[in-house]
Amino acid sequence: MPSTATELVTVPTGLPRSGLPIAHMRSVYRLGDVERRLEKLPPKEHESLRATYERMLEKGAERFQVKPSGVPAMDHLYEQLPNFHDVLDDVKRQLALCHDSRDALEITPMLLLGPPGVGKTHFAREMAQLLGTGLGFLSMSSLTAGWVLSGASSQWKGARPGKVFETLVDGQYANPVMVVDEIDKTGGEHAYDPLGALYGLLEHDTAGSFTDEFAEVAIDASQVIWVATANDARAIPEPILNRMNVFEVQMPDAAAARAIAARLYRGIRADHDWGSRFAPEPGDDVLDAMAELAPREMRRAWMTAFGNAKLAGRAAVEPRDLPEAHGRKAAIGFMQ
């Protein structure tokens, strides 16, 4: 699908420590295709599809195609995510190739393999912020129909566009980060292949004319940055694995886990007015206890511990304040 590039612009964003990204405008679909589809709809039929076409015409076809204005500062991510250094190194290499050229930002699709709670989805969110682009999220563990990714025919009752279409049409960016979470949880008891649409979407050439089954209008998904997460690669089809850079992410070691816990403590304390009532740094004994938790459990554990310390009238958090000391295990946190 052809794209339309205009003058380079800067895009305001919360991009940390790396300056404003720069962007071309890129057409992600052809307005003429949408108009022709709309004209062919019978009167008073397919109201949902009609509304979709009208929304596409109203929003226009151009989206920001962004990339950082230089190789962004990534030291904070190396500090936050000590078990993702190999992934960060690869992203940095790919950013270095395009930052001083006219080339678009191009990140090879990646698969993050690792145990639950290691921070895979948190990494994807941080990367979207680093790059200054949008984020789409699709949890394959809750997938009930293949059309969640690629849409369902408008002939079906309750049909709607898929997540790729929605992210590109309703979002601001031509190159959002698209997270396919728990890609190994799709299972094999399907009359269809829930991952079928990915075979074309992960290939740059075919993704340029991706057609959602609901709207039946070609969409340029060639600039989407794909990040998949999984616990076990054995459940993922080989053609998917062959299209992605695969990284095995381990739980952080004790020293790295302590550093993550300490950073979280300082961040929570700084973000709340009540934080000034607690010691500036946690003690070694409580950091040792926190280091036994998965990264995604730590924020919940700190919040529980702060509350327990406050109830006990103490300014210092102690190991007995953590959830496990009260017979409860923290199961949810900031990383997913």
C-alpha atoms as a PDB file:
ATOM      1  CA  MET A   1       0.000   0.000   0.000  1.00  0.00           C
ATOM      2  CA  PRO A   2       1.473   3.403  -0.925  1.00  0.00           C
ATOM      3  CA  SER A   3       2.080   5.890   1.852  1.00  0.00           C
ATOM      4  CA  THR A   4       1.971   9.664   1.798  1.00  0.00           C
ATOM      5  CA  ALA A   5       4.896  11.438   3.460  1.00  0.00           C
ATOM      6  CA  THR A   6       4.830  15.124   4.278  1.00  0.00           C
ATOM      7  CA  GLU A   7       7.250  17.472   6.021  1.00  0.00           C
ATOM      8  CA  LEU A   8       8.982  16.147   9.102  1.00  0.00           C
ATOM      9  CA  VAL A   9       7.199  17.159  12.292  1.00  0.00           C
ATOM     10  CA  THR A  10       7.800  16.733  16.014  1.00  0.00           C
ATOM     11  CA  VAL A  11       5.299  14.887  18.152  1.00  0.00           C
ATOM     12  CA  PRO A  12       4.726  15.934  21.782  1.00  0.00           C
ATOM     13  CA  THR A  13       5.023  12.941  24.092  1.00  0.00           C
ATOM     14  CA  GLY A  14       6.095  11.803  27.511  1.00  0.00           C
ATOM     15  CA  LEU A  15       9.177  10.207  25.990  1.00  0.00           C
ATOM     16  CA  PRO A  16      11.702   9.943  28.853  1.00  0.00           C
ATOM     17  CA  ARG A  17      15.226  11.367  28.561  1.00  0.00           C
ATOM     18  CA  SER A  18      15.373  11.155  24.775  1.00  0.00           C
ATOM     19  CA  GLY A  19      13.788  14.313  23.397  1.00  0.00           C
ATOM     20  CA  LEU A  20      10.844  14.628  21.062  1.00  0.00           C
ATOM     21  CA  PRO A  21      10.394  12.026  18.347  1.00  0.00           C
ATOM     22  CA  ILE A  22      10.207  13.062  14.704  1.00  0.00           C
ATOM     23  CA  ALA A  23       7.524  11.892  12.322  1.00  0.00           C
ATOM     24  CA  HIS A  24       6.309  11.689   8.792  1.00  0.00           C
ATOM     25  CA  MET A  25       2.629  11.410   8.077  1.00  0.00           C
ATOM     26  CA  ARG A  26       1.724   8.066   6.535  1.00  0.00           C
ATOM     27  CA  SER A  27      -1.564   7.015   4.949  1.00  0.00           C
ATOM     28  CA  VAL A  28      -2.693   3.751   6.489  1.00  0.00           C
ATOM     29  CA  TYR A  29      -5.605   3.250   4.063  1.00  0.00           C
ATOM     30  CA  ARG A  30      -7.043   4.767   0.900  1.00  0.00           C
ATOM     31  CA  LEU A  31     -10.005   7.078   1.399  1.00  0.00           C
ATOM     32  CA  GLY A  32     -11.268   6.161  -2.075  1.00  0.00           C
ATOM     33  CA  ASP A  33     -11.517   2.496  -1.059  1.00  0.00           C
ATOM     34  CA  VAL A  34     -13.597   3.457   1.972  1.00  0.00           C
ATOM     35  CA  GLU A  35     -15.885   5.716  -0.055  1.00  0.00           C
ATOM     36  CA  ARG A  36     -16.550   2.966  -2.599  1.00  0.00           C
ATOM     37  CA  ARG A  37     -17.372   0.472   0.143  1.00  0.00           C
ATOM     38  CA  LEU A  38     -19.716   2.940   1.797  1.00  0.00           C
ATOM     39  CA  GLU A  39     -21.548   3.680  -1.462  1.00  0.00           C
ATOM     40  CA  LYS A  40     -22.208  -0.016  -2.041  1.00  0.00           C
ATOM     41  CA  LEU A  41     -23.921  -0.576   1.302  1.00  0.00           C
ATOM     42  CA  PRO A  42     -27.699  -1.103   0.991  1.00  0.00           C
ATOM     43  CA  PRO A  43     -29.746   1.637   2.717  1.00  0.00           C
ATOM     44  CA  LYS A  44     -30.705   0.897   6.327  1.00  0.00           C
ATOM     45  CA  GLU A  45     -28.494  -2.195   6.468  1.00  0.00           C
ATOM     46  CA  HIS A  46     -25.147  -2.955   8.058  1.00  0.00           C
ATOM     47  CA  GLU A  47     -25.325   0.055  10.350  1.00  0.00           C
ATOM     48  CA  SER A  48     -22.235  -0.967  12.302  1.00  0.00           C
ATOM     49  CA  LEU A  49     -20.212  -1.301   9.113  1.00  0.00           C
ATOM     50  CA  ARG A  50     -21.598   2.007   7.826  1.00  0.00           C
ATOM     51  CA  ALA A  51     -20.548   3.703  11.070  1.00  0.00           C
ATOM     52  CA  THR A  52     -17.066   2.209  10.718  1.00  0.00           C
ATOM     53  CA  TYR A  53     -16.630   3.585   7.194  1.00  0.00           C
ATOM     54  CA  GLU A  54     -17.948   6.996   8.241  1.00  0.00           C
ATOM     55  CA  ARG A  55     -15.495   7.047  11.154  1.00  0.00           C
ATOM     56  CA  MET A  56     -12.631   6.207   8.812  1.00  0.00           C
ATOM     57  CA  LEU A  57     -13.573   9.067   6.495  1.00  0.00           C
ATOM     58  CA  GLU A  58     -14.001  11.489   9.377  1.00  0.00           C
ATOM     59  CA  LYS A  59     -10.625  10.640  10.939  1.00  0.00           C
ATOM     60  CA  GLY A  60      -8.786  10.646   7.617  1.00  0.00           C
ATOM     61  CA  ALA A  61      -6.122   8.192   6.556  1.00  0.00           C
ATOM     62  CA  GLU A  62      -2.931   9.871   7.785  1.00  0.00           C
ATOM     63  CA  ARG A  63      -1.195   8.822  10.986  1.00  0.00           C
ATOM     64  CA  PHE A  64       2.098   9.751  12.601  1.00  0.00           C
ATOM     65  CA  GLN A  65       4.972   7.480  11.611  1.00  0.00           C
ATOM     66  CA  VAL A  66       7.402   8.294  14.381  1.00  0.00           C
ATOM     67  CA  LYS A  67      10.901   7.511  15.492  1.00  0.00           C
ATOM     68  CA  PRO A  68      13.143   9.046  18.172  1.00  0.00           C
ATOM     69  CA  SER A  69      15.106  12.081  17.011  1.00  0.00           C
ATOM     70  CA  GLY A  70      18.319  10.307  18.030  1.00  0.00           C
ATOM     71  CA  VAL A  71      19.366   7.113  19.737  1.00  0.00           C
ATOM     72  CA  PRO A  72      17.372   7.625  22.934  1.00  0.00           C
ATOM     73  CA  ALA A  73      18.907   7.474  26.384  1.00  0.00           C
ATOM     74  CA  MET A  74      18.160   3.996  27.661  1.00  0.00           C
ATOM     75  CA  ASP A  75      20.162   3.864  30.899  1.00  0.00           C
ATOM     76  CA  HIS A  76      16.970   4.099  32.939  1.00  0.00           C
ATOM     77  CA  LEU A  77      15.588   0.999  31.208  1.00  0.00           C
ATOM     78  CA  TYR A  78      18.782  -0.954  31.802  1.00  0.00           C
ATOM     79  CA  GLU A  79      18.392  -0.016  35.473  1.00  0.00           C
ATOM     80  CA  GLN A  80      14.667  -0.787  35.648  1.00  0.00           C
ATOM     81  CA  LEU A  81      14.864  -4.016  33.659  1.00  0.00           C
ATOM     82  CA  PRO A  82      18.190  -5.681  34.488  1.00  0.00           C
ATOM     83  CA  ASN A  83      16.994  -9.035  33.126  1.00  0.00           C
ATOM     84  CA  PHE A  84      16.171  -7.506  29.702  1.00  0.00           C
ATOM     85  CA  HIS A  85      19.656  -6.330  28.737  1.00  0.00           C
ATOM     86  CA  ASP A  86      19.877  -8.576  25.659  1.00  0.00           C
ATOM     87  CA  VAL A  87      16.537  -7.286  24.370  1.00  0.00           C
ATOM     88  CA  LEU A  88      17.484  -3.672  25.049  1.00  0.00           C
ATOM     89  CA  ASP A  89      20.817  -4.157  23.274  1.00  0.00           C
ATOM     90  CA  ASP A  90      18.995  -5.420  20.182  1.00  0.00           C
ATOM     91  CA  VAL A  91      16.528  -2.507  20.200  1.00  0.00           C
ATOM     92  CA  LYS A  92      19.401  -0.041  20.580  1.00  0.00           C
ATOM     93  CA  ARG A  93      21.211  -1.537  17.577  1.00  0.00           C
ATOM     94  CA  GLN A  94      18.116  -1.225  15.400  1.00  0.00           C
ATOM     95  CA  LEU A  95      17.489   2.347  16.543  1.00  0.00           C
ATOM     96  CA  ALA A  96      21.095   3.275  15.725  1.00  0.00           C
ATOM     97  CA  LEU A  97      20.634   2.164  12.113  1.00  0.00           C
ATOM     98  CA  CYS A  98      17.791   4.555  11.349  1.00  0.00           C
ATOM     99  CA  HIS A  99      18.158   7.572  13.628  1.00  0.00           C
ATOM    100  CA  ASP A 100      20.297   9.745  11.294  1.00  0.00           C
ATOM    101  CA  SER A 101      18.756   8.596   8.033  1.00  0.00           C
ATOM    102  CA  ARG A 102      15.523   8.974   6.112  1.00  0.00           C
ATOM    103  CA  ASP A 103      14.652   5.350   6.821  1.00  0.00           C
ATOM    104  CA  ALA A 104      11.571   4.593   8.873  1.00  0.00           C
ATOM    105  CA  LEU A 105      11.878   3.036  12.292  1.00  0.00           C
ATOM    106  CA  GLU A 106      12.132  -0.718  11.773  1.00  0.00           C
ATOM    107  CA  ILE A 107      12.123  -3.124  14.702  1.00  0.00           C
ATOM    108  CA  THR A 108      12.172  -6.858  13.953  1.00  0.00           C
ATOM    109  CA  PRO A 109       9.202  -8.642  15.594  1.00  0.00           C
ATOM    110  CA  MET A 110      10.276 -10.031  18.943  1.00  0.00           C
ATOM    111  CA  LEU A 111       9.147 -12.850  21.180  1.00  0.00           C
ATOM    112  CA  LEU A 112       9.875 -12.572  24.895  1.00  0.00           C
ATOM    113  CA  LEU A 113      10.001 -15.995  26.544  1.00  0.00           C
ATOM    114  CA  GLY A 114       9.989 -16.197  30.315  1.00  0.00           C
ATOM    115  CA  PRO A 115       8.137 -17.255  33.459  1.00  0.00           C
ATOM    116  CA  PRO A 116       5.016 -15.392  34.657  1.00  0.00           C
ATOM    117  CA  GLY A 117       5.754 -12.161  36.481  1.00  0.00           C
ATOM    118  CA  VAL A 118       9.180 -11.591  34.936  1.00  0.00           C
ATOM    119  CA  GLY A 119       8.064  -8.255  33.424  1.00  0.00           C
ATOM    120  CA  LYS A 120       7.521  -9.072  29.742  1.00  0.00           C
ATOM    121  CA  THR A 121       4.432  -6.927  29.198  1.00  0.00           C
ATOM    122  CA  HIS A 122       5.868  -4.117  31.301  1.00  0.00           C
ATOM    123  CA  PHE A 123       8.851  -4.121  28.947  1.00  0.00           C
ATOM    124  CA  ALA A 124       6.537  -3.724  25.936  1.00  0.00           C
ATOM    125  CA  ARG A 125       4.818  -0.723  27.536  1.00  0.00           C
ATOM    126  CA  GLU A 126       8.170   0.866  28.333  1.00  0.00           C
ATOM    127  CA  MET A 127       9.324   0.345  24.746  1.00  0.00           C
ATOM    128  CA  ALA A 128       6.223   2.082  23.370  1.00  0.00           C
ATOM    129  CA  GLN A 129       7.016   5.063  25.591  1.00  0.00           C
ATOM    130  CA  LEU A 130      10.688   4.984  24.589  1.00  0.00           C
ATOM    131  CA  LEU A 131       9.835   5.070  20.891  1.00  0.00           C
ATOM    132  CA  GLY A 132       7.144   7.738  21.271  1.00  0.00           C
ATOM    133  CA  THR A 133       4.437   5.666  19.585  1.00  0.00           C
ATOM    134  CA  GLY A 134       1.132   4.120  20.589  1.00  0.00           C
ATOM    135  CA  LEU A 135       0.330   0.736  22.096  1.00  0.00           C
ATOM    136  CA  GLY A 136      -2.161  -1.956  21.157  1.00  0.00           C
ATOM    137  CA  PHE A 137      -2.721  -4.957  23.434  1.00  0.00           C
ATOM    138  CA  LEU A 138      -4.190  -8.361  22.679  1.00  0.00           C
ATOM    139  CA  SER A 139      -4.344 -11.120  25.294  1.00  0.00           C
ATOM    140  CA  MET A 140      -4.371 -14.470  23.554  1.00  0.00           C
ATOM    141  CA  SER A 141      -5.267 -16.306  26.780  1.00  0.00           C
ATOM    142  CA  SER A 142      -8.742 -14.739  26.623  1.00  0.00           C
ATOM    143  CA  LEU A 143      -9.133 -15.283  22.878  1.00  0.00           C
ATOM    144  CA  THR A 144     -12.583 -16.703  22.091  1.00  0.00           C
ATOM    145  CA  ALA A 145     -12.538 -16.261  18.315  1.00  0.00           C
ATOM    146  CA  GLY A 146      -9.908 -15.788  15.648  1.00  0.00           C
ATOM    147  CA  TRP A 147     -11.515 -12.540  14.578  1.00  0.00           C
ATOM    148  CA  VAL A 148     -10.279 -10.721  17.690  1.00  0.00           C
ATOM    149  CA  LEU A 149      -7.027 -10.200  15.785  1.00  0.00           C
ATOM    150  CA  SER A 150      -8.254  -9.842  12.215  1.00  0.00           C
ATOM    151  CA  GLY A 151     -11.972  -9.039  12.460  1.00  0.00           C
ATOM    152  CA  ALA A 152     -15.069 -11.066  11.547  1.00  0.00           C
ATOM    153  CA  SER A 153     -17.237 -10.808   8.457  1.00  0.00           C
ATOM    154  CA  SER A 154     -19.933  -8.152   8.770  1.00  0.00           C
ATOM    155  CA  GLN A 155     -22.433 -10.864   7.806  1.00  0.00           C
ATOM    156  CA  TRP A 156     -22.141 -12.316  11.291  1.00  0.00           C
ATOM    157  CA  LYS A 157     -24.278 -10.942  14.089  1.00  0.00           C
ATOM    158  CA  GLY A 158     -22.238  -8.880  16.524  1.00  0.00           C
ATOM    159  CA  ALA A 159     -19.216  -8.795  14.217  1.00  0.00           C
ATOM    160  CA  ARG A 160     -16.648  -6.044  14.631  1.00  0.00           C
ATOM    161  CA  PRO A 161     -13.191  -5.105  13.381  1.00  0.00           C
ATOM    162  CA  GLY A 162     -10.113  -6.792  14.801  1.00  0.00           C
ATOM    163  CA  LYS A 163      -7.522  -5.280  17.111  1.00  0.00           C
ATOM    164  CA  VAL A 164      -5.005  -4.434  14.388  1.00  0.00           C
ATOM    165  CA  PHE A 165      -7.619  -2.461  12.459  1.00  0.00           C
ATOM    166  CA  GLU A 166      -8.859  -0.659  15.579  1.00  0.00           C
ATOM    167  CA  THR A 167      -5.359   0.289  16.725  1.00  0.00           C
ATOM    168  CA  LEU A 168      -4.404   1.781  13.351  1.00  0.00           C
ATOM    169  CA  VAL A 169      -7.736   3.426  12.489  1.00  0.00           C
ATOM    170  CA  ASP A 170      -8.651   4.766  15.926  1.00  0.00           C
ATOM    171  CA  GLY A 171      -5.103   5.557  17.063  1.00  0.00           C
ATOM    172  CA  GLN A 172      -2.699   8.340  16.111  1.00  0.00           C
ATOM    173  CA  TYR A 173       0.195   6.239  14.858  1.00  0.00           C
ATOM    174  CA  ALA A 174       1.085   4.221  11.778  1.00  0.00           C
ATOM    175  CA  ASN A 175       3.727   2.310  13.745  1.00  0.00           C
ATOM    176  CA  PRO A 176       2.281   1.434  17.154  1.00  0.00           C
ATOM    177  CA  VAL A 177       3.748  -1.243  19.386  1.00  0.00           C
ATOM    178  CA  MET A 178       1.338  -4.192  19.220  1.00  0.00           C
ATOM    179  CA  VAL A 179       1.597  -6.624  22.118  1.00  0.00           C
ATOM    180  CA  VAL A 180       0.392 -10.184  21.558  1.00  0.00           C
ATOM    181  CA  ASP A 181       0.345 -11.363  25.159  1.00  0.00           C
ATOM    182  CA  GLU A 182       0.624 -15.055  26.054  1.00  0.00           C
ATOM    183  CA  ILE A 183       0.810 -16.154  22.447  1.00  0.00           C
ATOM    184  CA  ASP A 184       1.414 -19.719  23.647  1.00  0.00           C
ATOM    185  CA  LYS A 185      -2.041 -19.851  25.302  1.00  0.00           C
ATOM    186  CA  THR A 186      -4.119 -20.017  22.114  1.00  0.00           C
ATOM    187  CA  GLY A 187      -4.353 -23.797  22.330  1.00  0.00           C
ATOM    188  CA  GLY A 188      -5.036 -26.249  19.552  1.00  0.00           C
ATOM    189  CA  GLU A 189      -8.742 -27.066  19.924  1.00  0.00           C
ATOM    190  CA  HIS A 190      -9.924 -24.669  17.234  1.00  0.00           C
ATOM    191  CA  ALA A 191     -11.560 -25.249  13.876  1.00  0.00           C
ATOM    192  CA  TYR A 192      -9.606 -22.184  12.720  1.00  0.00           C
ATOM    193  CA  ASP A 193      -6.085 -20.981  13.364  1.00  0.00           C
ATOM    194  CA  PRO A 194      -6.279 -18.095  15.875  1.00  0.00           C
ATOM    195  CA  LEU A 195      -2.783 -17.023  14.831  1.00  0.00           C
ATOM    196  CA  GLY A 196      -3.464 -17.304  11.106  1.00  0.00           C
ATOM    197  CA  ALA A 197      -3.524 -13.557  10.515  1.00  0.00           C
ATOM    198  CA  LEU A 198      -0.094 -13.185  12.118  1.00  0.00           C
ATOM    199  CA  TYR A 199       1.641 -15.124   9.360  1.00  0.00           C
ATOM    200  CA  GLY A 200       1.051 -12.208   6.980  1.00  0.00           C
ATOM    201  CA  LEU A 201       1.200  -9.439   9.569  1.00  0.00           C
ATOM    202  CA  LEU A 202       4.715 -10.394  10.661  1.00  0.00           C
ATOM    203  CA  GLU A 203       5.983 -10.154   7.070  1.00  0.00           C
ATOM    204  CA  HIS A 204       6.677  -6.559   6.014  1.00  0.00           C
ATOM    205  CA  ASP A 205       5.560  -6.983   2.400  1.00  0.00           C
ATOM    206  CA  THR A 206       2.231  -8.713   3.039  1.00  0.00           C
ATOM    207  CA  ALA A 207       1.433  -6.552   6.079  1.00  0.00           C
ATOM    208  CA  GLY A 208       1.329  -3.514   3.787  1.00  0.00           C
ATOM    209  CA  SER A 209      -2.064  -4.595   2.478  1.00  0.00           C
ATOM    210  CA  PHE A 210      -3.646  -6.316   5.467  1.00  0.00           C
ATOM    211  CA  THR A 211      -7.410  -6.676   5.042  1.00  0.00           C
ATOM    212  CA  ASP A 212      -9.615  -6.845   8.111  1.00  0.00           C
ATOM    213  CA  GLU A 213     -12.487  -9.269   7.475  1.00  0.00           C
ATOM    214  CA  PHE A 214     -15.072  -6.854   8.900  1.00  0.00           C
ATOM    215  CA  ALA A 215     -14.239  -3.668   6.985  1.00  0.00           C
ATOM    216  CA  GLU A 216     -12.738  -5.359   3.909  1.00  0.00           C
ATOM    217  CA  VAL A 217     -10.545  -2.324   3.260  1.00  0.00           C
ATOM    218  CA  ALA A 218      -6.790  -2.781   2.891  1.00  0.00           C
ATOM    219  CA  ILE A 219      -4.824  -1.369   5.836  1.00  0.00           C
ATOM    220  CA  ASP A 220      -1.093  -0.647   5.879  1.00  0.00           C
ATOM    221  CA  ALA A 221       0.127  -2.565   8.931  1.00  0.00           C
ATOM    222  CA  SER A 222       3.696  -2.830   7.649  1.00  0.00           C
ATOM    223  CA  GLN A 223       5.030  -0.369  10.233  1.00  0.00           C
ATOM    224  CA  VAL A 224       3.549  -2.064  13.308  1.00  0.00           C
ATOM    225  CA  ILE A 225       6.163  -3.023  15.922  1.00  0.00           C
ATOM    226  CA  TRP A 226       5.316  -6.518  17.172  1.00  0.00           C
ATOM    227  CA  VAL A 227       6.110  -7.780  20.664  1.00  0.00           C
ATOM    228  CA  ALA A 228       4.820 -11.216  21.638  1.00  0.00           C
ATOM    229  CA  THR A 229       5.124 -12.768  25.084  1.00  0.00           C
ATOM    230  CA  ALA A 230       5.043 -16.424  26.080  1.00  0.00           C
ATOM    231  CA  ASN A 231       5.973 -18.818  28.858  1.00  0.00           C
ATOM    232  CA  ASP A 232       6.709 -21.806  26.600  1.00  0.00           C
ATOM    233  CA  ALA A 233       7.878 -21.743  22.978  1.00  0.00           C
ATOM    234  CA  ARG A 234       6.814 -25.337  22.340  1.00  0.00           C
ATOM    235  CA  ALA A 235       3.176 -24.301  21.907  1.00  0.00           C
ATOM    236  CA  ILE A 236       4.007 -21.686  19.244  1.00  0.00           C
ATOM    237  CA  PRO A 237       3.910 -22.679  15.549  1.00  0.00           C
ATOM    238  CA  GLU A 238       7.326 -22.813  13.904  1.00  0.00           C
ATOM    239  CA  PRO A 239       6.365 -20.308  11.146  1.00  0.00           C
ATOM    240  CA  ILE A 240       5.645 -17.733  13.878  1.00  0.00           C
ATOM    241  CA  LEU A 241       8.951 -18.402  15.639  1.00  0.00           C
ATOM    242  CA  ASN A 242      10.809 -18.084  12.334  1.00  0.00           C
ATOM    243  CA  ARG A 243       9.435 -14.585  11.822  1.00  0.00           C
ATOM    244  CA  MET A 244      10.589 -13.230  15.201  1.00  0.00           C
ATOM    245  CA  ASN A 245      13.718 -12.564  17.225  1.00  0.00           C
ATOM    246  CA  VAL A 246      13.346 -14.852  20.250  1.00  0.00           C
ATOM    247  CA  PHE A 247      14.705 -13.767  23.644  1.00  0.00           C
ATOM    248  CA  GLU A 248      14.677 -15.917  26.770  1.00  0.00           C
ATOM    249  CA  VAL A 249      14.131 -13.645  29.771  1.00  0.00           C
ATOM    250  CA  GLN A 250      15.107 -15.024  33.164  1.00  0.00           C
ATOM    251  CA  MET A 251      14.001 -13.906  36.585  1.00  0.00           C
ATOM    252  CA  PRO A 252      16.446 -11.289  37.923  1.00  0.00           C
ATOM    253  CA  ASP A 253      19.132 -12.598  40.242  1.00  0.00           C
ATOM    254  CA  ALA A 254      19.138 -11.600  43.903  1.00  0.00           C
ATOM    255  CA  ALA A 255      21.198  -8.449  43.396  1.00  0.00           C
ATOM    256  CA  ALA A 256      19.071  -7.276  40.469  1.00  0.00           C
ATOM    257  CA  ALA A 257      15.862  -8.088  42.344  1.00  0.00           C
ATOM    258  CA  ARG A 258      17.036  -6.031  45.308  1.00  0.00           C
ATOM    259  CA  ALA A 259      17.817  -3.113  42.984  1.00  0.00           C
ATOM    260  CA  ILE A 260      14.341  -3.329  41.402  1.00  0.00           C
ATOM    261  CA  ALA A 261      12.695  -3.435  44.847  1.00  0.00           C
ATOM    262  CA  ALA A 262      14.726  -0.474  46.107  1.00  0.00           C
ATOM    263  CA  ARG A 263      13.868   1.598  43.028  1.00  0.00           C
ATOM    264  CA  LEU A 264      10.187   0.795  43.460  1.00  0.00           C
ATOM    265  CA  TYR A 265      10.322   1.779  47.138  1.00  0.00           C
ATOM    266  CA  ARG A 266      11.829   5.154  46.285  1.00  0.00           C
ATOM    267  CA  GLY A 267       9.353   5.697  43.456  1.00  0.00           C
ATOM    268  CA  ILE A 268       6.280   4.914  45.587  1.00  0.00           C
ATOM    269  CA  ARG A 269       7.581   7.064  48.417  1.00  0.00           C
ATOM    270  CA  ALA A 270       8.198  10.007  46.058  1.00  0.00           C
ATOM    271  CA  ASP A 271       4.810   9.681  44.351  1.00  0.00           C
ATOM    272  CA  HIS A 272       2.734   9.999  47.529  1.00  0.00           C
ATOM    273  CA  ASP A 273       2.444  12.763  50.076  1.00  0.00           C
ATOM    274  CA  TRP A 274       2.467  10.187  52.856  1.00  0.00           C
ATOM    275  CA  GLY A 275       5.803   8.885  51.554  1.00  0.00           C
ATOM    276  CA  SER A 276       7.695  11.603  53.446  1.00  0.00           C
ATOM    277  CA  ARG A 277       6.691   9.899  56.692  1.00  0.00           C
ATOM    278  CA  PHE A 278       8.811   6.873  55.838  1.00  0.00           C
ATOM    279  CA  ALA A 279      12.564   6.359  55.770  1.00  0.00           C
ATOM    280  CA  PRO A 280      14.262   7.446  52.501  1.00  0.00           C
ATOM    281  CA  GLU A 281      15.622   3.928  51.900  1.00  0.00           C
ATOM    282  CA  PRO A 282      14.401   0.468  52.883  1.00  0.00           C
ATOM    283  CA  GLY A 283      16.480  -1.712  55.173  1.00  0.00           C
ATOM    284  CA  ASP A 284      18.620  -4.603  53.931  1.00  0.00           C
ATOM    285  CA  ASP A 285      16.447  -7.181  55.691  1.00  0.00           C
ATOM    286  CA  VAL A 286      13.272  -6.071  53.951  1.00  0.00           C
ATOM    287  CA  LEU A 287      15.075  -5.871  50.589  1.00  0.00           C
ATOM    288  CA  ASP A 288      16.239  -9.454  51.085  1.00  0.00           C
ATOM    289  CA  ALA A 289      12.621 -10.497  51.618  1.00  0.00           C
ATOM    290  CA  MET A 290      11.384  -8.482  48.623  1.00  0.00           C
ATOM    291  CA  ALA A 291      14.042 -10.056  46.383  1.00  0.00           C
ATOM    292  CA  GLU A 292      12.243 -13.397  46.732  1.00  0.00           C
ATOM    293  CA  LEU A 293       9.199 -12.023  44.869  1.00  0.00           C
ATOM    294  CA  ALA A 294       8.642 -11.839  41.124  1.00  0.00           C
ATOM    295  CA  PRO A 295       9.046  -8.293  39.768  1.00  0.00           C
ATOM    296  CA  ARG A 296       5.334  -7.859  39.069  1.00  0.00           C
ATOM    297  CA  GLU A 297       4.493  -8.715  42.681  1.00  0.00           C
ATOM    298  CA  MET A 298       6.735  -6.091  44.218  1.00  0.00           C
ATOM    299  CA  ARG A 299       4.608  -2.972  43.922  1.00  0.00           C
ATOM    300  CA  ARG A 300       1.603  -4.613  45.576  1.00  0.00           C
ATOM    301  CA  ALA A 301       3.893  -5.961  48.294  1.00  0.00           C
ATOM    302  CA  TRP A 302       5.359  -2.509  49.002  1.00  0.00           C
ATOM    303  CA  MET A 303       1.919  -0.907  49.187  1.00  0.00           C
ATOM    304  CA  THR A 304       0.784  -3.555  51.668  1.00  0.00           C
ATOM    305  CA  ALA A 305       3.961  -3.139  53.687  1.00  0.00           C
ATOM    306  CA  PHE A 306       3.667   0.657  53.828  1.00  0.00           C
ATOM    307  CA  GLY A 307       0.109   0.288  55.099  1.00  0.00           C
ATOM    308  CA  ASN A 308       1.049  -2.266  57.733  1.00  0.00           C
ATOM    309  CA  ALA A 309       3.965  -0.137  58.949  1.00  0.00           C
ATOM    310  CA  LYS A 310       1.681   2.890  59.192  1.00  0.00           C
ATOM    311  CA  LEU A 311      -0.866   0.940  61.251  1.00  0.00           C
ATOM    312  CA  ALA A 312       1.949  -0.153  63.544  1.00  0.00           C
ATOM    313  CA  GLY A 313       3.097   3.460  63.975  1.00  0.00           C
ATOM    314  CA  ARG A 314       6.508   2.868  62.401  1.00  0.00           C
ATOM    315  CA  ALA A 315       8.447   5.002  59.898  1.00  0.00           C
ATOM    316  CA  ALA A 316      10.425   2.016  58.656  1.00  0.00           C
ATOM    317  CA  VAL A 317       9.039  -0.938  56.736  1.00  0.00           C
ATOM    318  CA  GLU A 318      10.023  -4.320  58.164  1.00  0.00           C
ATOM    319  CA  PRO A 319       9.875  -7.841  56.697  1.00  0.00           C
ATOM    320  CA  ARG A 320       6.866  -8.676  58.878  1.00  0.00           C
ATOM    321  CA  ASP A 321       4.914  -5.944  57.029  1.00  0.00           C
ATOM    322  CA  LEU A 322       5.092  -7.781  53.697  1.00  0.00           C
ATOM    323  CA  PRO A 323       2.015  -9.700  52.470  1.00  0.00           C
ATOM    324  CA  GLU A 324       3.497 -13.168  52.884  1.00  0.00           C
ATOM    325  CA  ALA A 325       4.145 -12.422  56.537  1.00  0.00           C
ATOM    326  CA  HIS A 326       0.388 -11.891  56.911  1.00  0.00           C
ATOM    327  CA  GLY A 327      -0.589 -15.160  55.229  1.00  0.00           C
ATOM    328  CA  ARG A 328      -1.273 -13.606  51.834  1.00  0.00           C
ATOM    329  CA  LYS A 329       0.778 -13.812  48.673  1.00  0.00           C
ATOM    330  CA  ALA A 330       0.887 -10.782  46.381  1.00  0.00           C
ATOM    331  CA  ALA A 331      -0.394 -11.948  43.012  1.00  0.00           C
ATOM    332  CA  ILE A 332      -0.779  -8.781  41.008  1.00  0.00           C
ATOM    333  CA  GLY A 333       1.514  -5.843  40.421  1.00  0.00           C
ATOM    334  CA  PHE A 334       2.791  -3.244  38.023  1.00  0.00           C
ATOM    335  CA  MET A 335       4.404  -5.732  35.654  1.00  0.00           C
ATOM    336  CA  GLN A 336       2.337  -8.234  33.730  1.00  0.00           C
END
